[in-house]
Structure formats: C-alpha cells, structure tokens
Amino acid sequence: VLGIYSLLHKFMPFSMEIDQAFIAAILTVIGYSLNDTVVVFDRIREVTNEKGFRGGFNINSAINSTLSRTLNTSLTTLVVLIAMFAFGADSLRGLLFSLIIGIVVGTYSSIFIATPIMFDTLKDKGVAPDVKN
C-alpha cells in the first residue's frame, strides 16, 4: 500500500499524508487479508479431511468453494468504501484510499498468492505430487 501510495502521489487529485488513520487502515487491511487467507486454508483442510490429499485438486476445490464468499465480502466492502471516498470528508480520504487499495490487494493475495506458495512449499517437501499440464 505504501508503495502504491508513493508511486501515485504526484498524480492524485488530492493530497494525503501518512497519519495515524493511514497506519490504522494498513493494520486493518493486514487483518482482513489474513482472515481471508485463513478461510481459504481452512477450506483446504476440510477438503483434505473429506477426500484425502490429492495435491492441486484440494487447493482448486477449496478456492472454488470460497471464491464467491471472498468476492462478495470484498465487493460489498469496496462499494461502501468507494461511496465514502467519493462523498465523505477530506479528513477521511487517506484512511479510505489505503483501505480501498488494501482490500483489493489483500483479496488478490489471499486467492492468487498465498495458496500457490502453500502448494509450492508442499511440493518442495515432497508432500504434493507434481502437476503436469
């Protein structure tokens, strides 16, 4: 979030500063992203307990079953944040901007980054079979 903020700082039509609200938003986004990741990993565990471990099948099945929940939660949150950003006070813009960017990045990372890292780690340990395309 800080990287995106620093890259886009010159192009923003409003000025923001990093204050306590901005830091609170970053901490909130970290918790939000961790919660999404835990939900996906818990679903992987449930699928593994039900059907036995079959490598990428378990991960794909878990992501497919939690994808609608994750996207619905994120999109609902984003609609509210964007409305508050558009119509809210200037004092909230730093907080809302970091929450918007963080929710998007956190949702992406919990689905498309955390689970492949887990699968690669299991594959390196010899637990997960290699997947051939």
N, C-alpha and C. Protein backbone atom coordinates (compact mmCIF):
# COMPACT_ATOMS: atom_id res chain seq x y z
N VAL A 1 0.84 -1.19 0.00
CA VAL A 1 0.00 0.00 0.00
C VAL A 1 0.88 1.25 0.00
N LEU A 2 1.93 1.22 0.80
CA LEU A 2 2.82 2.39 0.82
C LEU A 2 3.51 2.59 -0.52
N GLY A 3 3.87 1.49 -1.19
CA GLY A 3 4.50 1.59 -2.50
C GLY A 3 3.57 2.21 -3.53
N ILE A 4 2.33 1.76 -3.55
CA ILE A 4 1.35 2.31 -4.48
C ILE A 4 1.10 3.79 -4.17
N TYR A 5 1.02 4.09 -2.90
CA TYR A 5 0.81 5.48 -2.48
C TYR A 5 1.96 6.36 -2.96
N SER A 6 3.19 5.90 -2.78
CA SER A 6 4.33 6.72 -3.17
C SER A 6 4.46 6.84 -4.68
N LEU A 7 4.07 5.80 -5.43
CA LEU A 7 4.12 5.88 -6.89
C LEU A 7 3.06 6.83 -7.45
N LEU A 8 1.88 6.83 -6.87
CA LEU A 8 0.78 7.62 -7.38
C LEU A 8 0.66 9.00 -6.74
N HIS A 9 1.55 9.33 -5.83
CA HIS A 9 1.43 10.58 -5.07
C HIS A 9 1.35 11.81 -5.97
N LYS A 10 2.15 11.87 -7.02
CA LYS A 10 2.17 13.05 -7.90
C LYS A 10 0.91 13.15 -8.76
N PHE A 11 0.24 12.02 -9.01
CA PHE A 11 -0.90 12.01 -9.93
C PHE A 11 -2.25 12.12 -9.24
N MET A 12 -2.27 12.10 -7.93
CA MET A 12 -3.53 12.15 -7.20
C MET A 12 -4.12 13.55 -7.22
N PRO A 13 -5.44 13.64 -7.41
CA PRO A 13 -6.07 14.97 -7.44
C PRO A 13 -6.28 15.56 -6.04
N PHE A 14 -5.82 14.89 -5.03
CA PHE A 14 -5.99 15.35 -3.65
C PHE A 14 -4.71 15.05 -2.90
N SER A 15 -4.51 15.72 -1.81
CA SER A 15 -3.30 15.48 -1.04
C SER A 15 -3.64 14.62 0.18
N MET A 16 -2.75 13.70 0.45
CA MET A 16 -2.91 12.83 1.62
C MET A 16 -1.58 12.78 2.35
N GLU A 17 -1.67 12.57 3.61
CA GLU A 17 -0.46 12.38 4.39
C GLU A 17 -0.59 11.09 5.18
N ILE A 18 0.54 10.53 5.51
CA ILE A 18 0.54 9.31 6.30
C ILE A 18 0.41 9.72 7.76
N ASP A 19 -0.75 9.42 8.33
CA ASP A 19 -1.02 9.77 9.71
C ASP A 19 -1.50 8.53 10.46
N GLN A 20 -2.03 8.73 11.64
CA GLN A 20 -2.48 7.59 12.45
C GLN A 20 -3.62 6.83 11.79
N ALA A 21 -4.50 7.52 11.11
CA ALA A 21 -5.61 6.84 10.43
C ALA A 21 -5.10 5.97 9.29
N PHE A 22 -4.10 6.45 8.57
CA PHE A 22 -3.50 5.67 7.48
C PHE A 22 -2.86 4.40 8.03
N ILE A 23 -2.12 4.52 9.11
CA ILE A 23 -1.49 3.35 9.73
C ILE A 23 -2.55 2.39 10.25
N ALA A 24 -3.62 2.91 10.84
CA ALA A 24 -4.72 2.06 11.31
C ALA A 24 -5.36 1.31 10.15
N ALA A 25 -5.50 1.97 9.01
CA ALA A 25 -6.07 1.32 7.84
C ALA A 25 -5.18 0.20 7.35
N ILE A 26 -3.88 0.41 7.35
CA ILE A 26 -2.96 -0.64 6.92
C ILE A 26 -3.05 -1.84 7.86
N LEU A 27 -3.11 -1.60 9.15
CA LEU A 27 -3.25 -2.70 10.11
C LEU A 27 -4.58 -3.42 9.93
N THR A 28 -5.64 -2.68 9.62
CA THR A 28 -6.94 -3.29 9.36
C THR A 28 -6.90 -4.17 8.13
N VAL A 29 -6.24 -3.70 7.09
CA VAL A 29 -6.14 -4.47 5.85
C VAL A 29 -5.32 -5.74 6.06
N ILE A 30 -4.28 -5.66 6.86
CA ILE A 30 -3.49 -6.86 7.15
C ILE A 30 -4.36 -7.90 7.85
N GLY A 31 -5.15 -7.48 8.81
CA GLY A 31 -6.06 -8.40 9.48
C GLY A 31 -7.11 -8.96 8.55
N TYR A 32 -7.64 -8.13 7.68
CA TYR A 32 -8.65 -8.54 6.70
C TYR A 32 -8.08 -9.59 5.75
N SER A 33 -6.87 -9.34 5.26
CA SER A 33 -6.22 -10.27 4.34
C SER A 33 -5.89 -11.59 5.02
N LEU A 34 -5.41 -11.51 6.25
CA LEU A 34 -5.11 -12.74 6.99
C LEU A 34 -6.38 -13.56 7.23
N ASN A 35 -7.47 -12.90 7.52
CA ASN A 35 -8.73 -13.60 7.72
C ASN A 35 -9.16 -14.32 6.44
N ASP A 36 -9.07 -13.65 5.30
CA ASP A 36 -9.41 -14.30 4.03
C ASP A 36 -8.51 -15.51 3.77
N THR A 37 -7.23 -15.37 4.04
CA THR A 37 -6.30 -16.47 3.82
C THR A 37 -6.60 -17.64 4.74
N VAL A 38 -6.93 -17.35 5.98
CA VAL A 38 -7.28 -18.42 6.93
C VAL A 38 -8.54 -19.15 6.48
N VAL A 39 -9.52 -18.43 5.94
CA VAL A 39 -10.74 -19.07 5.45
C VAL A 39 -10.42 -20.03 4.31
N VAL A 40 -9.58 -19.60 3.37
CA VAL A 40 -9.21 -20.47 2.25
C VAL A 40 -8.42 -21.67 2.74
N PHE A 41 -7.46 -21.46 3.63
CA PHE A 41 -6.65 -22.57 4.14
C PHE A 41 -7.49 -23.54 4.96
N ASP A 42 -8.45 -23.03 5.71
CA ASP A 42 -9.33 -23.90 6.48
C ASP A 42 -10.18 -24.76 5.55
N ARG A 43 -10.63 -24.17 4.46
CA ARG A 43 -11.41 -24.94 3.49
C ARG A 43 -10.54 -26.01 2.83
N ILE A 44 -9.26 -25.72 2.57
CA ILE A 44 -8.34 -26.73 2.04
C ILE A 44 -8.22 -27.88 3.03
N ARG A 45 -8.12 -27.55 4.31
CA ARG A 45 -8.04 -28.59 5.34
C ARG A 45 -9.30 -29.44 5.36
N GLU A 46 -10.48 -28.81 5.25
CA GLU A 46 -11.73 -29.57 5.25
C GLU A 46 -11.83 -30.49 4.05
N VAL A 47 -11.45 -29.99 2.87
CA VAL A 47 -11.50 -30.83 1.66
C VAL A 47 -10.52 -31.98 1.79
N THR A 48 -9.36 -31.73 2.36
CA THR A 48 -8.37 -32.79 2.55
C THR A 48 -8.88 -33.85 3.52
N ASN A 49 -9.55 -33.44 4.59
CA ASN A 49 -10.11 -34.42 5.53
C ASN A 49 -11.23 -35.23 4.91
N GLU A 50 -12.02 -34.63 4.02
CA GLU A 50 -13.14 -35.33 3.40
C GLU A 50 -12.68 -36.32 2.33
N LYS A 51 -11.75 -35.88 1.47
CA LYS A 51 -11.43 -36.66 0.28
C LYS A 51 -10.01 -37.19 0.25
N GLY A 52 -9.23 -36.92 1.28
CA GLY A 52 -7.83 -37.32 1.25
C GLY A 52 -7.03 -36.30 0.44
N PHE A 53 -5.73 -36.30 0.63
CA PHE A 53 -4.91 -35.29 -0.04
C PHE A 53 -4.62 -35.72 -1.47
N ARG A 54 -5.04 -34.87 -2.41
CA ARG A 54 -4.80 -35.15 -3.83
C ARG A 54 -4.14 -33.95 -4.51
N GLY A 55 -3.26 -33.29 -3.79
CA GLY A 55 -2.47 -32.21 -4.38
C GLY A 55 -3.28 -31.00 -4.77
N GLY A 56 -3.11 -30.59 -6.03
CA GLY A 56 -3.76 -29.40 -6.53
C GLY A 56 -5.27 -29.48 -6.56
N PHE A 57 -5.81 -30.70 -6.60
CA PHE A 57 -7.27 -30.85 -6.60
C PHE A 57 -7.88 -30.25 -5.34
N ASN A 58 -7.26 -30.52 -4.21
CA ASN A 58 -7.78 -29.99 -2.94
C ASN A 58 -7.74 -28.46 -2.92
N ILE A 59 -6.64 -27.91 -3.39
CA ILE A 59 -6.49 -26.46 -3.38
C ILE A 59 -7.49 -25.83 -4.34
N ASN A 60 -7.62 -26.40 -5.54
CA ASN A 60 -8.56 -25.86 -6.53
C ASN A 60 -10.00 -25.96 -6.03
N SER A 61 -10.35 -27.07 -5.43
CA SER A 61 -11.70 -27.25 -4.90
C SER A 61 -11.99 -26.26 -3.78
N ALA A 62 -11.02 -26.05 -2.91
CA ALA A 62 -11.20 -25.11 -1.80
C ALA A 62 -11.34 -23.67 -2.30
N ILE A 63 -10.52 -23.30 -3.26
CA ILE A 63 -10.62 -21.94 -3.81
C ILE A 63 -11.95 -21.74 -4.50
N ASN A 64 -12.39 -22.74 -5.27
CA ASN A 64 -13.68 -22.63 -5.96
C ASN A 64 -14.83 -22.48 -4.98
N SER A 65 -14.77 -23.19 -3.86
CA SER A 65 -15.88 -23.12 -2.90
C SER A 65 -15.86 -21.84 -2.06
N THR A 66 -14.71 -21.22 -1.90
CA THR A 66 -14.64 -19.99 -1.10
C THR A 66 -14.58 -18.73 -1.95
N LEU A 67 -14.48 -18.88 -3.27
CA LEU A 67 -14.32 -17.71 -4.13
C LEU A 67 -15.52 -16.77 -4.07
N SER A 68 -16.71 -17.32 -4.11
CA SER A 68 -17.89 -16.44 -4.08
C SER A 68 -17.99 -15.70 -2.75
N ARG A 69 -17.67 -16.37 -1.66
CA ARG A 69 -17.71 -15.72 -0.35
C ARG A 69 -16.68 -14.61 -0.27
N THR A 70 -15.48 -14.89 -0.74
CA THR A 70 -14.41 -13.90 -0.69
C THR A 70 -14.73 -12.69 -1.56
N LEU A 71 -15.19 -12.93 -2.79
CA LEU A 71 -15.51 -11.82 -3.68
C LEU A 71 -16.71 -11.01 -3.19
N ASN A 72 -17.73 -11.69 -2.69
CA ASN A 72 -18.89 -10.96 -2.16
C ASN A 72 -18.51 -10.07 -0.99
N THR A 73 -17.71 -10.59 -0.09
CA THR A 73 -17.27 -9.80 1.06
C THR A 73 -16.44 -8.60 0.62
N SER A 74 -15.51 -8.84 -0.28
CA SER A 74 -14.64 -7.75 -0.74
C SER A 74 -15.40 -6.70 -1.53
N LEU A 75 -16.27 -7.14 -2.43
CA LEU A 75 -17.01 -6.18 -3.25
C LEU A 75 -17.99 -5.36 -2.42
N THR A 76 -18.62 -5.99 -1.44
CA THR A 76 -19.52 -5.24 -0.56
C THR A 76 -18.76 -4.17 0.21
N THR A 77 -17.60 -4.55 0.72
CA THR A 77 -16.77 -3.60 1.45
C THR A 77 -16.30 -2.48 0.52
N LEU A 78 -15.90 -2.84 -0.70
CA LEU A 78 -15.42 -1.83 -1.65
C LEU A 78 -16.50 -0.83 -2.05
N VAL A 79 -17.72 -1.29 -2.23
CA VAL A 79 -18.81 -0.38 -2.59
C VAL A 79 -18.99 0.69 -1.52
N VAL A 80 -18.98 0.27 -0.28
CA VAL A 80 -19.13 1.22 0.83
C VAL A 80 -17.93 2.16 0.90
N LEU A 81 -16.73 1.62 0.76
CA LEU A 81 -15.53 2.46 0.84
C LEU A 81 -15.47 3.47 -0.30
N ILE A 82 -15.83 3.06 -1.51
CA ILE A 82 -15.81 3.98 -2.64
C ILE A 82 -16.86 5.08 -2.47
N ALA A 83 -18.03 4.72 -1.97
CA ALA A 83 -19.06 5.73 -1.71
C ALA A 83 -18.59 6.73 -0.66
N MET A 84 -17.98 6.22 0.40
CA MET A 84 -17.46 7.12 1.44
C MET A 84 -16.32 7.98 0.90
N PHE A 85 -15.49 7.40 0.04
CA PHE A 85 -14.38 8.15 -0.55
C PHE A 85 -14.90 9.27 -1.45
N ALA A 86 -15.94 8.99 -2.22
CA ALA A 86 -16.48 9.98 -3.16
C ALA A 86 -17.25 11.09 -2.44
N PHE A 87 -17.99 10.73 -1.41
CA PHE A 87 -18.88 11.71 -0.78
C PHE A 87 -18.47 12.10 0.64
N GLY A 88 -17.41 11.51 1.16
CA GLY A 88 -17.01 11.75 2.54
C GLY A 88 -16.13 12.98 2.69
N ALA A 89 -15.75 13.20 3.92
CA ALA A 89 -14.93 14.35 4.26
C ALA A 89 -13.49 14.15 3.79
N ASP A 90 -12.80 15.25 3.58
CA ASP A 90 -11.40 15.18 3.15
C ASP A 90 -10.50 14.55 4.20
N SER A 91 -10.88 14.66 5.45
CA SER A 91 -10.05 14.10 6.52
C SER A 91 -10.04 12.58 6.49
N LEU A 92 -11.01 11.96 5.83
CA LEU A 92 -11.07 10.50 5.76
C LEU A 92 -10.43 9.92 4.51
N ARG A 93 -10.02 10.76 3.58
CA ARG A 93 -9.54 10.25 2.29
C ARG A 93 -8.31 9.37 2.40
N GLY A 94 -7.37 9.70 3.25
CA GLY A 94 -6.19 8.86 3.43
C GLY A 94 -6.54 7.49 3.96
N LEU A 95 -7.41 7.46 4.93
CA LEU A 95 -7.88 6.20 5.50
C LEU A 95 -8.61 5.38 4.45
N LEU A 96 -9.54 6.00 3.75
CA LEU A 96 -10.35 5.28 2.77
C LEU A 96 -9.53 4.82 1.57
N PHE A 97 -8.60 5.65 1.12
CA PHE A 97 -7.75 5.26 -0.01
C PHE A 97 -6.93 4.03 0.33
N SER A 98 -6.32 4.04 1.50
CA SER A 98 -5.50 2.89 1.88
C SER A 98 -6.36 1.65 2.10
N LEU A 99 -7.58 1.81 2.59
CA LEU A 99 -8.47 0.66 2.74
C LEU A 99 -8.89 0.10 1.38
N ILE A 100 -9.19 0.97 0.42
CA ILE A 100 -9.60 0.51 -0.91
C ILE A 100 -8.47 -0.27 -1.57
N ILE A 101 -7.29 0.31 -1.61
CA ILE A 101 -6.14 -0.38 -2.23
C ILE A 101 -5.82 -1.66 -1.47
N GLY A 102 -5.86 -1.60 -0.16
CA GLY A 102 -5.54 -2.76 0.66
C GLY A 102 -6.52 -3.91 0.50
N ILE A 103 -7.81 -3.61 0.39
CA ILE A 103 -8.81 -4.66 0.22
C ILE A 103 -8.61 -5.36 -1.12
N VAL A 104 -8.33 -4.59 -2.17
CA VAL A 104 -8.09 -5.19 -3.49
C VAL A 104 -6.85 -6.06 -3.46
N VAL A 105 -5.76 -5.54 -2.93
CA VAL A 105 -4.51 -6.29 -2.88
C VAL A 105 -4.63 -7.50 -1.94
N GLY A 106 -5.29 -7.33 -0.82
CA GLY A 106 -5.46 -8.43 0.14
C GLY A 106 -6.31 -9.56 -0.41
N THR A 107 -7.37 -9.22 -1.14
CA THR A 107 -8.21 -10.25 -1.75
C THR A 107 -7.43 -11.00 -2.81
N TYR A 108 -6.70 -10.27 -3.62
CA TYR A 108 -5.88 -10.90 -4.65
C TYR A 108 -4.83 -11.82 -4.03
N SER A 109 -4.17 -11.34 -2.99
CA SER A 109 -3.10 -12.14 -2.39
C SER A 109 -3.62 -13.38 -1.68
N SER A 110 -4.79 -13.32 -1.07
CA SER A 110 -5.29 -14.50 -0.37
C SER A 110 -5.70 -15.60 -1.34
N ILE A 111 -6.10 -15.24 -2.56
CA ILE A 111 -6.52 -16.24 -3.53
C ILE A 111 -5.36 -16.66 -4.43
N PHE A 112 -4.65 -15.70 -5.00
CA PHE A 112 -3.70 -15.99 -6.06
C PHE A 112 -2.24 -16.01 -5.64
N ILE A 113 -1.93 -15.66 -4.42
CA ILE A 113 -0.54 -15.69 -3.98
C ILE A 113 -0.32 -16.68 -2.84
N ALA A 114 -1.17 -16.64 -1.82
CA ALA A 114 -0.96 -17.49 -0.64
C ALA A 114 -1.10 -18.97 -0.95
N THR A 115 -2.13 -19.34 -1.70
CA THR A 115 -2.34 -20.77 -1.98
C THR A 115 -1.28 -21.35 -2.92
N PRO A 116 -0.84 -20.65 -3.98
CA PRO A 116 0.26 -21.22 -4.76
C PRO A 116 1.56 -21.35 -3.97
N ILE A 117 1.81 -20.40 -3.07
CA ILE A 117 3.00 -20.52 -2.22
C ILE A 117 2.89 -21.76 -1.34
N MET A 118 1.69 -21.99 -0.79
CA MET A 118 1.49 -23.18 0.03
C MET A 118 1.70 -24.45 -0.79
N PHE A 119 1.16 -24.48 -2.01
CA PHE A 119 1.30 -25.66 -2.86
C PHE A 119 2.76 -25.89 -3.24
N ASP A 120 3.48 -24.82 -3.58
CA ASP A 120 4.89 -24.96 -3.92
C ASP A 120 5.71 -25.45 -2.73
N THR A 121 5.36 -24.98 -1.54
CA THR A 121 6.05 -25.43 -0.34
C THR A 121 5.81 -26.92 -0.10
N LEU A 122 4.56 -27.35 -0.27
CA LEU A 122 4.25 -28.77 -0.10
C LEU A 122 4.93 -29.61 -1.17
N LYS A 123 5.01 -29.08 -2.39
CA LYS A 123 5.67 -29.81 -3.48
C LYS A 123 7.16 -29.94 -3.21
N ASP A 124 7.78 -28.88 -2.68
CA ASP A 124 9.20 -28.92 -2.36
C ASP A 124 9.51 -29.91 -1.25
N LYS A 125 8.57 -30.07 -0.32
CA LYS A 125 8.75 -31.03 0.77
C LYS A 125 8.44 -32.45 0.33
N GLY A 126 7.91 -32.62 -0.87
CA GLY A 126 7.58 -33.95 -1.37
C GLY A 126 6.21 -34.44 -0.97
N VAL A 127 5.39 -33.58 -0.39
CA VAL A 127 4.05 -33.98 0.05
C VAL A 127 3.07 -33.92 -1.10
N ALA A 128 3.14 -32.88 -1.92
CA ALA A 128 2.21 -32.71 -3.03
C ALA A 128 2.81 -33.29 -4.30
N PRO A 129 2.02 -34.02 -5.07
CA PRO A 129 2.54 -34.54 -6.34
C PRO A 129 2.70 -33.41 -7.36
N ASP A 130 3.61 -33.61 -8.31
CA ASP A 130 3.79 -32.62 -9.37
C ASP A 130 2.56 -32.59 -10.25
N VAL A 131 2.19 -31.41 -10.67
CA VAL A 131 1.04 -31.24 -11.56
C VAL A 131 1.56 -30.99 -12.96
N LYS A 132 1.11 -31.80 -13.91
CA LYS A 132 1.55 -31.65 -15.30
C LYS A 132 0.39 -31.12 -16.12
N ASN A 133 0.68 -30.15 -16.97
CA ASN A 133 -0.36 -29.57 -17.83
C ASN A 133 -0.53 -30.37 -19.09
